[in-house]
Amino acid sequence: MGNAQSEQDKKIFEALNNKFPNHIFIKIRGKYLDVTEYQYDHPGGENLLLEHQNADATDDFDEKGHSNEAVKLLKNFTVDVEKVLNIDLSKMG
């Protein structure tokens, strides 16, 4: 499932979960997404999103052949991690 998780991803997911408990966060194509509101509308079902929670789902997303509309929809769920967590990603290791 997905790509191997980096230490940076682990730290970011942990910080997001601490700040927003009970939210569903995934990463696709380098973007962190909060898909909590979308879980019940996802065509593949909420369990599919939950399986990828706190993980990079890029490989699975791309392998499923999502439509251009699905790719555009990602923007609606993108979390501005630097702003929300008040961090500078370029300084994280």
PDB file of N, CA and C in Angstrom:
ATOM      1  N   MET A   1       0.836  -1.184   0.000  1.00  0.00           N
ATOM      2  CA  MET A   1       0.000   0.000   0.000  1.00  0.00           C
ATOM      3  C   MET A   1       0.874   1.238   0.000  1.00  0.00           C
ATOM      4  N   GLY A   2       0.771   2.077  -1.038  1.00  0.00           N
ATOM      5  CA  GLY A   2       1.419   3.371  -1.048  1.00  0.00           C
ATOM      6  C   GLY A   2       2.932   3.297  -1.039  1.00  0.00           C
ATOM      7  N   ASN A   3       3.535   4.447  -0.841  1.00  0.00           N
ATOM      8  CA  ASN A   3       4.988   4.568  -0.802  1.00  0.00           C
ATOM      9  C   ASN A   3       5.487   4.405   0.625  1.00  0.00           C
ATOM     10  N   ALA A   4       6.778   4.121   0.763  1.00  0.00           N
ATOM     11  CA  ALA A   4       7.383   4.055   2.092  1.00  0.00           C
ATOM     12  C   ALA A   4       7.274   5.429   2.744  1.00  0.00           C
ATOM     13  N   GLN A   5       7.008   5.447   4.027  1.00  0.00           N
ATOM     14  CA  GLN A   5       6.800   6.697   4.728  1.00  0.00           C
ATOM     15  C   GLN A   5       8.110   7.263   5.258  1.00  0.00           C
ATOM     16  N   SER A   6       8.358   8.526   4.954  1.00  0.00           N
ATOM     17  CA  SER A   6       9.569   9.187   5.419  1.00  0.00           C
ATOM     18  C   SER A   6       9.379   9.652   6.861  1.00  0.00           C
ATOM     19  N   GLU A   7      10.487   9.980   7.499  1.00  0.00           N
ATOM     20  CA  GLU A   7      10.417  10.530   8.861  1.00  0.00           C
ATOM     21  C   GLU A   7       9.646  11.842   8.862  1.00  0.00           C
ATOM     22  N   GLN A   8       9.839  12.645   7.816  1.00  0.00           N
ATOM     23  CA  GLN A   8       9.111  13.907   7.721  1.00  0.00           C
ATOM     24  C   GLN A   8       7.609  13.656   7.659  1.00  0.00           C
ATOM     25  N   ASP A   9       7.187  12.686   6.843  1.00  0.00           N
ATOM     26  CA  ASP A   9       5.758  12.359   6.758  1.00  0.00           C
ATOM     27  C   ASP A   9       5.222  11.918   8.115  1.00  0.00           C
ATOM     28  N   LYS A  10       5.967  11.075   8.799  1.00  0.00           N
ATOM     29  CA  LYS A  10       5.530  10.612  10.118  1.00  0.00           C
ATOM     30  C   LYS A  10       5.307  11.782  11.058  1.00  0.00           C
ATOM     31  N   LYS A  11       6.260  12.728  11.059  1.00  0.00           N
ATOM     32  CA  LYS A  11       6.154  13.894  11.942  1.00  0.00           C
ATOM     33  C   LYS A  11       4.963  14.761  11.568  1.00  0.00           C
ATOM     34  N   ILE A  12       4.766  14.955  10.283  1.00  0.00           N
ATOM     35  CA  ILE A  12       3.658  15.802   9.832  1.00  0.00           C
ATOM     36  C   ILE A  12       2.322  15.158  10.139  1.00  0.00           C
ATOM     37  N   PHE A  13       2.185  13.870   9.837  1.00  0.00           N
ATOM     38  CA  PHE A  13       0.926  13.196  10.150  1.00  0.00           C
ATOM     39  C   PHE A  13       0.645  13.222  11.658  1.00  0.00           C
ATOM     40  N   GLU A  14       1.669  13.006  12.460  1.00  0.00           N
ATOM     41  CA  GLU A  14       1.499  13.052  13.909  1.00  0.00           C
ATOM     42  C   GLU A  14       1.031  14.433  14.365  1.00  0.00           C
ATOM     43  N   ALA A  15       1.647  15.479  13.831  1.00  0.00           N
ATOM     44  CA  ALA A  15       1.271  16.846  14.205  1.00  0.00           C
ATOM     45  C   ALA A  15      -0.150  17.171  13.745  1.00  0.00           C
ATOM     46  N   LEU A  16      -0.502  16.751  12.538  1.00  0.00           N
ATOM     47  CA  LEU A  16      -1.860  16.989  12.052  1.00  0.00           C
ATOM     48  C   LEU A  16      -2.890  16.275  12.920  1.00  0.00           C
ATOM     49  N   ASN A  17      -2.590  15.031  13.282  1.00  0.00           N
ATOM     50  CA  ASN A  17      -3.521  14.261  14.106  1.00  0.00           C
ATOM     51  C   ASN A  17      -3.645  14.825  15.516  1.00  0.00           C
ATOM     52  N   ASN A  18      -2.555  15.371  16.035  1.00  0.00           N
ATOM     53  CA  ASN A  18      -2.612  15.998  17.352  1.00  0.00           C
ATOM     54  C   ASN A  18      -3.466  17.264  17.320  1.00  0.00           C
ATOM     55  N   LYS A  19      -3.341  18.016  16.235  1.00  0.00           N
ATOM     56  CA  LYS A  19      -4.084  19.269  16.119  1.00  0.00           C
ATOM     57  C   LYS A  19      -5.540  19.041  15.722  1.00  0.00           C
ATOM     58  N   PHE A  20      -5.774  18.011  14.933  1.00  0.00           N
ATOM     59  CA  PHE A  20      -7.116  17.724  14.423  1.00  0.00           C
ATOM     60  C   PHE A  20      -7.470  16.249  14.660  1.00  0.00           C
ATOM     61  N   PRO A  21      -7.760  15.886  15.908  1.00  0.00           N
ATOM     62  CA  PRO A  21      -8.118  14.493  16.192  1.00  0.00           C
ATOM     63  C   PRO A  21      -9.360  14.078  15.399  1.00  0.00           C
ATOM     64  N   ASN A  22      -9.437  12.835  15.060  1.00  0.00           N
ATOM     65  CA  ASN A  22     -10.578  12.253  14.353  1.00  0.00           C
ATOM     66  C   ASN A  22     -10.708  12.696  12.897  1.00  0.00           C
ATOM     67  N   HIS A  23      -9.675  13.328  12.364  1.00  0.00           N
ATOM     68  CA  HIS A  23      -9.661  13.653  10.940  1.00  0.00           C
ATOM     69  C   HIS A  23      -8.903  12.561  10.200  1.00  0.00           C
ATOM     70  N   ILE A  24      -9.181  12.459   8.915  1.00  0.00           N
ATOM     71  CA  ILE A  24      -8.517  11.470   8.072  1.00  0.00           C
ATOM     72  C   ILE A  24      -7.562  12.205   7.143  1.00  0.00           C
ATOM     73  N   PHE A  25      -6.274  11.976   7.339  1.00  0.00           N
ATOM     74  CA  PHE A  25      -5.244  12.603   6.519  1.00  0.00           C
ATOM     75  C   PHE A  25      -4.558  11.553   5.669  1.00  0.00           C
ATOM     76  N   ILE A  26      -4.340  11.898   4.404  1.00  0.00           N
ATOM     77  CA  ILE A  26      -3.559  11.064   3.493  1.00  0.00           C
ATOM     78  C   ILE A  26      -2.644  11.995   2.696  1.00  0.00           C
ATOM     79  N   LYS A  27      -1.718  11.415   1.989  1.00  0.00           N
ATOM     80  CA  LYS A  27      -0.822  12.193   1.137  1.00  0.00           C
ATOM     81  C   LYS A  27      -0.909  11.632  -0.276  1.00  0.00           C
ATOM     82  N   ILE A  28      -1.097  12.523  -1.231  1.00  0.00           N
ATOM     83  CA  ILE A  28      -1.130  12.133  -2.639  1.00  0.00           C
ATOM     84  C   ILE A  28      -0.342  13.157  -3.436  1.00  0.00           C
ATOM     85  N   ARG A  29       0.595  12.662  -4.231  1.00  0.00           N
ATOM     86  CA  ARG A  29       1.407  13.499  -5.119  1.00  0.00           C
ATOM     87  C   ARG A  29       2.054  14.662  -4.368  1.00  0.00           C
ATOM     88  N   GLY A  30       2.558  14.359  -3.187  1.00  0.00           N
ATOM     89  CA  GLY A  30       3.298  15.352  -2.419  1.00  0.00           C
ATOM     90  C   GLY A  30       2.448  16.300  -1.601  1.00  0.00           C
ATOM     91  N   LYS A  31       1.139  16.176  -1.678  1.00  0.00           N
ATOM     92  CA  LYS A  31       0.226  17.052  -0.947  1.00  0.00           C
ATOM     93  C   LYS A  31      -0.444  16.279   0.186  1.00  0.00           C
ATOM     94  N   TYR A  32      -0.546  16.942   1.317  1.00  0.00           N
ATOM     95  CA  TYR A  32      -1.261  16.357   2.450  1.00  0.00           C
ATOM     96  C   TYR A  32      -2.727  16.761   2.320  1.00  0.00           C
ATOM     97  N   LEU A  33      -3.603  15.791   2.476  1.00  0.00           N
ATOM     98  CA  LEU A  33      -5.031  16.019   2.272  1.00  0.00           C
ATOM     99  C   LEU A  33      -5.820  15.648   3.518  1.00  0.00           C
ATOM    100  N   ASP A  34      -6.828  16.456   3.816  1.00  0.00           N
ATOM    101  CA  ASP A  34      -7.796  16.131   4.861  1.00  0.00           C
ATOM    102  C   ASP A  34      -9.060  15.678   4.146  1.00  0.00           C
ATOM    103  N   VAL A  35      -9.280  14.367   4.120  1.00  0.00           N
ATOM    104  CA  VAL A  35     -10.409  13.800   3.385  1.00  0.00           C
ATOM    105  C   VAL A  35     -11.571  13.415   4.297  1.00  0.00           C
ATOM    106  N   THR A  36     -11.576  13.961   5.489  1.00  0.00           N
ATOM    107  CA  THR A  36     -12.612  13.642   6.472  1.00  0.00           C
ATOM    108  C   THR A  36     -14.009  13.880   5.906  1.00  0.00           C
ATOM    109  N   GLU A  37     -14.223  15.042   5.325  1.00  0.00           N
ATOM    110  CA  GLU A  37     -15.546  15.407   4.808  1.00  0.00           C
ATOM    111  C   GLU A  37     -15.931  14.593   3.569  1.00  0.00           C
ATOM    112  N   TYR A  38     -14.948  14.041   2.894  1.00  0.00           N
ATOM    113  CA  TYR A  38     -15.192  13.321   1.645  1.00  0.00           C
ATOM    114  C   TYR A  38     -15.380  11.819   1.845  1.00  0.00           C
ATOM    115  N   GLN A  39     -15.098  11.335   3.034  1.00  0.00           N
ATOM    116  CA  GLN A  39     -15.066   9.886   3.228  1.00  0.00           C
ATOM    117  C   GLN A  39     -16.369   9.187   2.827  1.00  0.00           C
ATOM    118  N   TYR A  40     -17.506   9.809   3.056  1.00  0.00           N
ATOM    119  CA  TYR A  40     -18.785   9.157   2.751  1.00  0.00           C
ATOM    120  C   TYR A  40     -19.181   9.306   1.285  1.00  0.00           C
ATOM    121  N   ASP A  41     -18.522  10.222   0.574  1.00  0.00           N
ATOM    122  CA  ASP A  41     -18.817  10.449  -0.838  1.00  0.00           C
ATOM    123  C   ASP A  41     -17.821   9.763  -1.769  1.00  0.00           C
ATOM    124  N   HIS A  42     -16.729   9.266  -1.214  1.00  0.00           N
ATOM    125  CA  HIS A  42     -15.698   8.647  -2.043  1.00  0.00           C
ATOM    126  C   HIS A  42     -16.281   7.429  -2.763  1.00  0.00           C
ATOM    127  N   PRO A  43     -16.174   7.389  -4.107  1.00  0.00           N
ATOM    128  CA  PRO A  43     -16.754   6.269  -4.868  1.00  0.00           C
ATOM    129  C   PRO A  43     -16.239   4.898  -4.431  1.00  0.00           C
ATOM    130  N   GLY A  44     -15.003   4.838  -3.928  1.00  0.00           N
ATOM    131  CA  GLY A  44     -14.439   3.562  -3.484  1.00  0.00           C
ATOM    132  C   GLY A  44     -14.829   3.208  -2.055  1.00  0.00           C
ATOM    133  N   GLY A  45     -15.554   4.107  -1.404  1.00  0.00           N
ATOM    134  CA  GLY A  45     -15.996   3.861  -0.031  1.00  0.00           C
ATOM    135  C   GLY A  45     -15.047   4.439   1.001  1.00  0.00           C
ATOM    136  N   GLU A  46     -15.591   4.679   2.174  1.00  0.00           N
ATOM    137  CA  GLU A  46     -14.784   5.279   3.242  1.00  0.00           C
ATOM    138  C   GLU A  46     -13.670   4.353   3.714  1.00  0.00           C
ATOM    139  N   ASN A  47     -13.893   3.042   3.672  1.00  0.00           N
ATOM    140  CA  ASN A  47     -12.865   2.108   4.138  1.00  0.00           C
ATOM    141  C   ASN A  47     -11.579   2.215   3.328  1.00  0.00           C
ATOM    142  N   LEU A  48     -11.721   2.521   2.052  1.00  0.00           N
ATOM    143  CA  LEU A  48     -10.537   2.668   1.206  1.00  0.00           C
ATOM    144  C   LEU A  48      -9.697   3.850   1.677  1.00  0.00           C
ATOM    145  N   LEU A  49     -10.350   4.952   2.028  1.00  0.00           N
ATOM    146  CA  LEU A  49      -9.622   6.105   2.552  1.00  0.00           C
ATOM    147  C   LEU A  49      -9.001   5.778   3.904  1.00  0.00           C
ATOM    148  N   LEU A  50      -9.748   5.074   4.739  1.00  0.00           N
ATOM    149  CA  LEU A  50      -9.235   4.716   6.060  1.00  0.00           C
ATOM    150  C   LEU A  50      -8.019   3.799   5.958  1.00  0.00           C
ATOM    151  N   GLU A  51      -7.985   2.939   4.953  1.00  0.00           N
ATOM    152  CA  GLU A  51      -6.836   2.054   4.745  1.00  0.00           C
ATOM    153  C   GLU A  51      -5.562   2.847   4.447  1.00  0.00           C
ATOM    154  N   HIS A  52      -5.707   4.044   3.908  1.00  0.00           N
ATOM    155  CA  HIS A  52      -4.571   4.873   3.524  1.00  0.00           C
ATOM    156  C   HIS A  52      -4.321   6.014   4.502  1.00  0.00           C
ATOM    157  N   GLN A  53      -5.061   6.011   5.593  1.00  0.00           N
ATOM    158  CA  GLN A  53      -4.914   7.083   6.580  1.00  0.00           C
ATOM    159  C   GLN A  53      -3.473   7.183   7.069  1.00  0.00           C
ATOM    160  N   ASN A  54      -2.984   8.414   7.168  1.00  0.00           N
ATOM    161  CA  ASN A  54      -1.626   8.700   7.637  1.00  0.00           C
ATOM    162  C   ASN A  54      -0.559   8.025   6.781  1.00  0.00           C
ATOM    163  N   ALA A  55      -0.815   7.967   5.485  1.00  0.00           N
ATOM    164  CA  ALA A  55       0.128   7.314   4.574  1.00  0.00           C
ATOM    165  C   ALA A  55       0.112   8.009   3.223  1.00  0.00           C
ATOM    166  N   ASP A  56       1.137   7.739   2.440  1.00  0.00           N
ATOM    167  CA  ASP A  56       1.217   8.234   1.081  1.00  0.00           C
ATOM    168  C   ASP A  56       0.454   7.257   0.185  1.00  0.00           C
ATOM    169  N   ALA A  57      -0.625   7.737  -0.399  1.00  0.00           N
ATOM    170  CA  ALA A  57      -1.483   6.896  -1.225  1.00  0.00           C
ATOM    171  C   ALA A  57      -1.264   7.150  -2.714  1.00  0.00           C
ATOM    172  N   THR A  58      -0.177   7.808  -3.063  1.00  0.00           N
ATOM    173  CA  THR A  58       0.072   8.200  -4.451  1.00  0.00           C
ATOM    174  C   THR A  58       0.053   7.000  -5.399  1.00  0.00           C
ATOM    175  N   ASP A  59       0.791   5.962  -5.070  1.00  0.00           N
ATOM    176  CA  ASP A  59       0.863   4.802  -5.970  1.00  0.00           C
ATOM    177  C   ASP A  59      -0.514   4.208  -6.222  1.00  0.00           C
ATOM    178  N   ASP A  60      -1.275   3.996  -5.166  1.00  0.00           N
ATOM    179  CA  ASP A  60      -2.607   3.415  -5.323  1.00  0.00           C
ATOM    180  C   ASP A  60      -3.539   4.366  -6.069  1.00  0.00           C
ATOM    181  N   PHE A  61      -3.445   5.659  -5.781  1.00  0.00           N
ATOM    182  CA  PHE A  61      -4.263   6.656  -6.478  1.00  0.00           C
ATOM    183  C   PHE A  61      -3.983   6.612  -7.974  1.00  0.00           C
ATOM    184  N   ASP A  62      -2.708   6.608  -8.337  1.00  0.00           N
ATOM    185  CA  ASP A  62      -2.334   6.604  -9.746  1.00  0.00           C
ATOM    186  C   ASP A  62      -2.661   5.277 -10.425  1.00  0.00           C
ATOM    187  N   GLU A  63      -2.501   4.172  -9.723  1.00  0.00           N
ATOM    188  CA  GLU A  63      -2.777   2.854 -10.308  1.00  0.00           C
ATOM    189  C   GLU A  63      -4.261   2.654 -10.603  1.00  0.00           C
ATOM    190  N   LYS A  64      -5.127   3.335  -9.866  1.00  0.00           N
ATOM    191  CA  LYS A  64      -6.569   3.180 -10.073  1.00  0.00           C
ATOM    192  C   LYS A  64      -7.049   3.946 -11.295  1.00  0.00           C
ATOM    193  N   GLY A  65      -6.181   4.779 -11.865  1.00  0.00           N
ATOM    194  CA  GLY A  65      -6.565   5.507 -13.070  1.00  0.00           C
ATOM    195  C   GLY A  65      -7.660   6.526 -12.803  1.00  0.00           C
ATOM    196  N   HIS A  66      -7.491   7.330 -11.773  1.00  0.00           N
ATOM    197  CA  HIS A  66      -8.485   8.353 -11.445  1.00  0.00           C
ATOM    198  C   HIS A  66      -8.656   9.340 -12.603  1.00  0.00           C
ATOM    199  N   SER A  67      -9.861   9.841 -12.746  1.00  0.00           N
ATOM    200  CA  SER A  67     -10.189  10.795 -13.807  1.00  0.00           C
ATOM    201  C   SER A  67      -9.540  12.148 -13.548  1.00  0.00           C
ATOM    202  N   ASN A  68      -9.551  12.997 -14.569  1.00  0.00           N
ATOM    203  CA  ASN A  68      -9.053  14.364 -14.407  1.00  0.00           C
ATOM    204  C   ASN A  68      -9.863  15.105 -13.349  1.00  0.00           C
ATOM    205  N   GLU A  69     -11.148  14.821 -13.280  1.00  0.00           N
ATOM    206  CA  GLU A  69     -12.002  15.454 -12.267  1.00  0.00           C
ATOM    207  C   GLU A  69     -11.557  15.061 -10.865  1.00  0.00           C
ATOM    208  N   ALA A  70     -11.203  13.803 -10.688  1.00  0.00           N
ATOM    209  CA  ALA A  70     -10.731  13.344  -9.378  1.00  0.00           C
ATOM    210  C   ALA A  70      -9.433  14.034  -9.003  1.00  0.00           C
ATOM    211  N   VAL A  71      -8.558  14.202  -9.984  1.00  0.00           N
ATOM    212  CA  VAL A  71      -7.282  14.879  -9.734  1.00  0.00           C
ATOM    213  C   VAL A  71      -7.544  16.333  -9.350  1.00  0.00           C
ATOM    214  N   LYS A  72      -8.448  16.991 -10.048  1.00  0.00           N
ATOM    215  CA  LYS A  72      -8.805  18.378  -9.726  1.00  0.00           C
ATOM    216  C   LYS A  72      -9.422  18.481  -8.331  1.00  0.00           C
ATOM    217  N   LEU A  73     -10.174  17.482  -7.942  1.00  0.00           N
ATOM    218  CA  LEU A  73     -10.847  17.464  -6.646  1.00  0.00           C
ATOM    219  C   LEU A  73      -9.857  17.471  -5.479  1.00  0.00           C
ATOM    220  N   LEU A  74      -8.659  16.974  -5.720  1.00  0.00           N
ATOM    221  CA  LEU A  74      -7.649  16.936  -4.658  1.00  0.00           C
ATOM    222  C   LEU A  74      -7.401  18.319  -4.063  1.00  0.00           C
ATOM    223  N   LYS A  75      -7.489  19.356  -4.906  1.00  0.00           N
ATOM    224  CA  LYS A  75      -7.249  20.724  -4.435  1.00  0.00           C
ATOM    225  C   LYS A  75      -8.192  21.097  -3.291  1.00  0.00           C
ATOM    226  N   ASN A  76      -9.404  20.564  -3.325  1.00  0.00           N
ATOM    227  CA  ASN A  76     -10.403  20.890  -2.297  1.00  0.00           C
ATOM    228  C   ASN A  76     -10.008  20.376  -0.914  1.00  0.00           C
ATOM    229  N   PHE A  77      -9.121  19.402  -0.876  1.00  0.00           N
ATOM    230  CA  PHE A  77      -8.781  18.751   0.394  1.00  0.00           C
ATOM    231  C   PHE A  77      -7.348  19.015   0.838  1.00  0.00           C
ATOM    232  N   THR A  78      -6.617  19.791   0.049  1.00  0.00           N
ATOM    233  CA  THR A  78      -5.210  20.053   0.350  1.00  0.00           C
ATOM    234  C   THR A  78      -5.075  20.887   1.620  1.00  0.00           C
ATOM    235  N   VAL A  79      -4.176  20.437   2.488  1.00  0.00           N
ATOM    236  CA  VAL A  79      -3.878  21.139   3.736  1.00  0.00           C
ATOM    237  C   VAL A  79      -2.586  21.920   3.540  1.00  0.00           C
ATOM    238  N   ASP A  80      -2.621  23.206   3.837  1.00  0.00           N
ATOM    239  CA  ASP A  80      -1.406  24.020   3.802  1.00  0.00           C
ATOM    240  C   ASP A  80      -0.656  23.733   5.103  1.00  0.00           C
ATOM    241  N   VAL A  81       0.150  22.700   5.086  1.00  0.00           N
ATOM    242  CA  VAL A  81       0.813  22.187   6.281  1.00  0.00           C
ATOM    243  C   VAL A  81       1.664  23.262   6.952  1.00  0.00           C
ATOM    244  N   GLU A  82       2.402  24.012   6.168  1.00  0.00           N
ATOM    245  CA  GLU A  82       3.268  25.039   6.757  1.00  0.00           C
ATOM    246  C   GLU A  82       2.452  26.075   7.529  1.00  0.00           C
ATOM    247  N   LYS A  83       1.333  26.467   6.970  1.00  0.00           N
ATOM    248  CA  LYS A  83       0.479  27.465   7.624  1.00  0.00           C
ATOM    249  C   LYS A  83      -0.258  26.864   8.824  1.00  0.00           C
ATOM    250  N   VAL A  84      -0.870  25.723   8.619  1.00  0.00           N
ATOM    251  CA  VAL A  84      -1.682  25.103   9.681  1.00  0.00           C
ATOM    252  C   VAL A  84      -0.841  24.699  10.891  1.00  0.00           C
ATOM    253  N   LEU A  85       0.346  24.170  10.624  1.00  0.00           N
ATOM    254  CA  LEU A  85       1.211  23.696  11.714  1.00  0.00           C
ATOM    255  C   LEU A  85       2.295  24.705  12.085  1.00  0.00           C
ATOM    256  N   ASN A  86       2.336  25.812  11.354  1.00  0.00           N
ATOM    257  CA  ASN A  86       3.331  26.864  11.601  1.00  0.00           C
ATOM    258  C   ASN A  86       4.751  26.279  11.576  1.00  0.00           C
ATOM    259  N   ILE A  87       5.059  25.598  10.464  1.00  0.00           N
ATOM    260  CA  ILE A  87       6.384  24.997  10.293  1.00  0.00           C
ATOM    261  C   ILE A  87       6.940  25.358   8.922  1.00  0.00           C
ATOM    262  N   ASP A  88       8.228  25.213   8.771  1.00  0.00           N
ATOM    263  CA  ASP A  88       8.900  25.423   7.490  1.00  0.00           C
ATOM    264  C   ASP A  88       9.383  24.060   7.015  1.00  0.00           C
ATOM    265  N   LEU A  89       8.696  23.519   6.000  1.00  0.00           N
ATOM    266  CA  LEU A  89       9.031  22.184   5.522  1.00  0.00           C
ATOM    267  C   LEU A  89      10.467  22.095   5.006  1.00  0.00           C
ATOM    268  N   SER A  90      10.995  23.178   4.489  1.00  0.00           N
ATOM    269  CA  SER A  90      12.360  23.136   3.969  1.00  0.00           C
ATOM    270  C   SER A  90      13.392  22.929   5.075  1.00  0.00           C
ATOM    271  N   LYS A  91      13.005  23.167   6.319  1.00  0.00           N
ATOM    272  CA  LYS A  91      13.920  22.989   7.439  1.00  0.00           C
ATOM    273  C   LYS A  91      13.719  21.672   8.179  1.00  0.00           C
ATOM    274  N   MET A  92      12.727  20.901   7.729  1.00  0.00           N
ATOM    275  CA  MET A  92      12.501  19.588   8.347  1.00  0.00           C
ATOM    276  C   MET A  92      13.403  18.570   7.690  1.00  0.00           C
ATOM    277  N   GLY A  93      13.870  17.611   8.479  1.00  0.00           N
ATOM    278  CA  GLY A  93      14.751  16.589   7.921  1.00  0.00           C
ATOM    279  C   GLY A  93      14.220  15.241   7.949  1.00  0.00           C
TER     280      GLY A  93
END
